[in-house]
Amino acid sequence: MILVPSVIQLKSGRTETVFDLEGLLYLVEQYMGSDARLLLEEFTAPEEDDADLEDEYKRYRDHHHEVMKELRELSETEARLIREPEINRKALSTVVGKIGKITWREVNV
């Protein structure tokens, strides 16, 4: 995570610039001790649920990419068939049918 640098004033009146979580953890350790740092690290660590959500997001993104590749290939085939001097209705119907199956599958998942 990228944070905007923040200037904080310590209880002593001294100011410190914190650029990231590591910088804040350093200050906590310096002024509150290593136990406080470990506790703060524990509080800010990503939960397993977050990792699961990231994995699920990656699966959805990969799936979306594959579906779009399928649709793109079929769209190119459809465009090629339409450009032919004589339209092959059976081939065109097959391509349109495949697009329909893909979109039906994705809408009904």
Protein backbone atom coordinates (compact mmCIF):
# COMPACT_ATOMS: atom_id res chain seq x y z
CA MET A 1 0.00 0.00 0.00
CA ILE A 2 1.36 3.43 -0.92
CA LEU A 3 0.63 6.14 1.59
CA VAL A 4 0.94 9.89 1.19
CA PRO A 5 3.76 11.13 3.45
CA SER A 6 2.36 12.44 6.72
CA VAL A 7 3.98 14.69 9.27
CA ILE A 8 3.04 13.72 12.81
CA GLN A 9 3.88 15.40 16.07
CA LEU A 10 5.06 13.17 18.87
CA LYS A 11 4.01 13.74 22.46
CA SER A 12 7.46 15.25 23.10
CA GLY A 13 6.73 17.97 20.50
CA ARG A 14 9.16 16.49 17.99
CA THR A 15 7.82 16.05 14.44
CA GLU A 16 8.44 13.03 12.24
CA THR A 17 7.55 12.36 8.63
CA VAL A 18 5.97 8.96 8.06
CA PHE A 19 6.21 7.70 4.48
CA ASP A 20 4.74 4.23 4.90
CA LEU A 21 3.58 1.63 7.38
CA GLU A 22 7.16 0.51 8.01
CA GLY A 23 8.06 4.06 9.07
CA LEU A 24 5.14 4.17 11.48
CA LEU A 25 6.05 0.76 12.88
CA TYR A 26 9.61 2.00 13.42
CA LEU A 27 8.35 4.97 15.44
CA VAL A 28 6.02 2.76 17.47
CA GLU A 29 8.92 0.46 18.26
CA GLN A 30 11.21 3.38 19.19
CA TYR A 31 8.70 5.07 21.49
CA MET A 32 6.44 2.24 22.67
CA GLY A 33 8.61 -0.86 22.38
CA SER A 34 8.74 -4.01 20.30
CA ASP A 35 5.61 -5.51 21.86
CA ALA A 36 3.55 -2.55 20.65
CA ARG A 37 5.11 -2.87 17.20
CA LEU A 38 4.28 -6.59 17.02
CA LEU A 39 0.71 -5.89 18.12
CA LEU A 40 0.30 -3.17 15.48
CA GLU A 41 1.78 -5.49 12.82
CA GLU A 42 -0.76 -8.12 13.84
CA PHE A 43 -3.62 -5.63 13.62
CA THR A 44 -2.55 -4.40 10.18
CA ALA A 45 -1.63 -7.78 8.65
CA PRO A 46 -3.94 -8.89 5.85
CA GLU A 47 -6.43 -11.44 7.06
CA GLU A 48 -6.74 -14.82 5.40
CA ASP A 49 -10.09 -13.68 4.05
CA ASP A 50 -8.32 -10.87 2.19
CA ALA A 51 -5.95 -13.38 0.59
CA ASP A 52 -8.93 -15.55 -0.36
CA LEU A 53 -10.64 -12.51 -1.91
CA GLU A 54 -7.50 -11.71 -3.90
CA ASP A 55 -7.37 -15.31 -5.18
CA GLU A 56 -11.05 -15.17 -6.10
CA TYR A 57 -10.57 -11.82 -7.83
CA LYS A 58 -7.67 -13.29 -9.85
CA ARG A 59 -9.82 -16.29 -10.86
CA TYR A 60 -12.63 -13.96 -11.99
CA ARG A 61 -10.20 -11.74 -13.88
CA ASP A 62 -8.59 -14.74 -15.62
CA HIS A 63 -12.01 -16.20 -16.45
CA HIS A 64 -13.19 -12.86 -17.83
CA HIS A 65 -10.07 -12.63 -19.96
CA GLU A 66 -10.63 -16.12 -21.40
CA VAL A 67 -14.30 -15.41 -22.17
CA MET A 68 -13.39 -12.17 -23.89
CA LYS A 69 -10.75 -13.99 -25.98
CA GLU A 70 -13.38 -16.55 -27.02
CA LEU A 71 -15.85 -13.83 -27.97
CA ARG A 72 -13.16 -11.87 -29.83
CA GLU A 73 -12.19 -14.91 -31.92
CA LEU A 74 -15.82 -15.64 -32.76
CA SER A 75 -16.41 -11.98 -33.60
CA GLU A 76 -13.46 -12.05 -36.01
CA THR A 77 -14.82 -15.21 -37.62
CA GLU A 78 -18.24 -13.60 -37.91
CA ALA A 79 -16.76 -10.49 -39.55
CA ARG A 80 -14.80 -12.65 -42.00
CA LEU A 81 -17.93 -14.61 -42.93
CA ILE A 82 -19.90 -11.41 -43.50
CA ARG A 83 -17.18 -10.03 -45.80
CA GLU A 84 -17.40 -13.09 -48.08
CA PRO A 85 -19.02 -12.43 -51.49
CA GLU A 86 -21.63 -15.09 -50.69
CA ILE A 87 -22.70 -15.42 -47.09
CA ASN A 88 -22.53 -18.96 -45.75
CA ARG A 89 -25.61 -18.86 -43.55
CA LYS A 90 -24.86 -22.20 -41.92
CA ALA A 91 -21.33 -21.13 -40.86
CA LEU A 92 -22.61 -17.74 -39.72
CA SER A 93 -25.40 -19.40 -37.75
CA THR A 94 -22.87 -21.71 -36.07
CA VAL A 95 -20.73 -18.77 -34.96
CA VAL A 96 -23.74 -16.83 -33.69
CA GLY A 97 -24.90 -19.95 -31.84
CA LYS A 98 -21.53 -20.27 -30.12
CA ILE A 99 -21.67 -16.61 -29.06
CA GLY A 100 -25.18 -17.22 -27.72
CA LYS A 101 -24.00 -20.24 -25.69
CA ILE A 102 -21.11 -18.28 -24.19
CA THR A 103 -23.26 -15.31 -23.23
CA TRP A 104 -26.03 -17.57 -21.84
CA ARG A 105 -23.45 -19.46 -19.77
CA GLU A 106 -21.97 -16.24 -18.38
CA VAL A 107 -25.31 -14.62 -17.58
CA ASN A 108 -26.61 -17.73 -15.83
CA VAL A 109 -23.57 -18.51 -13.70
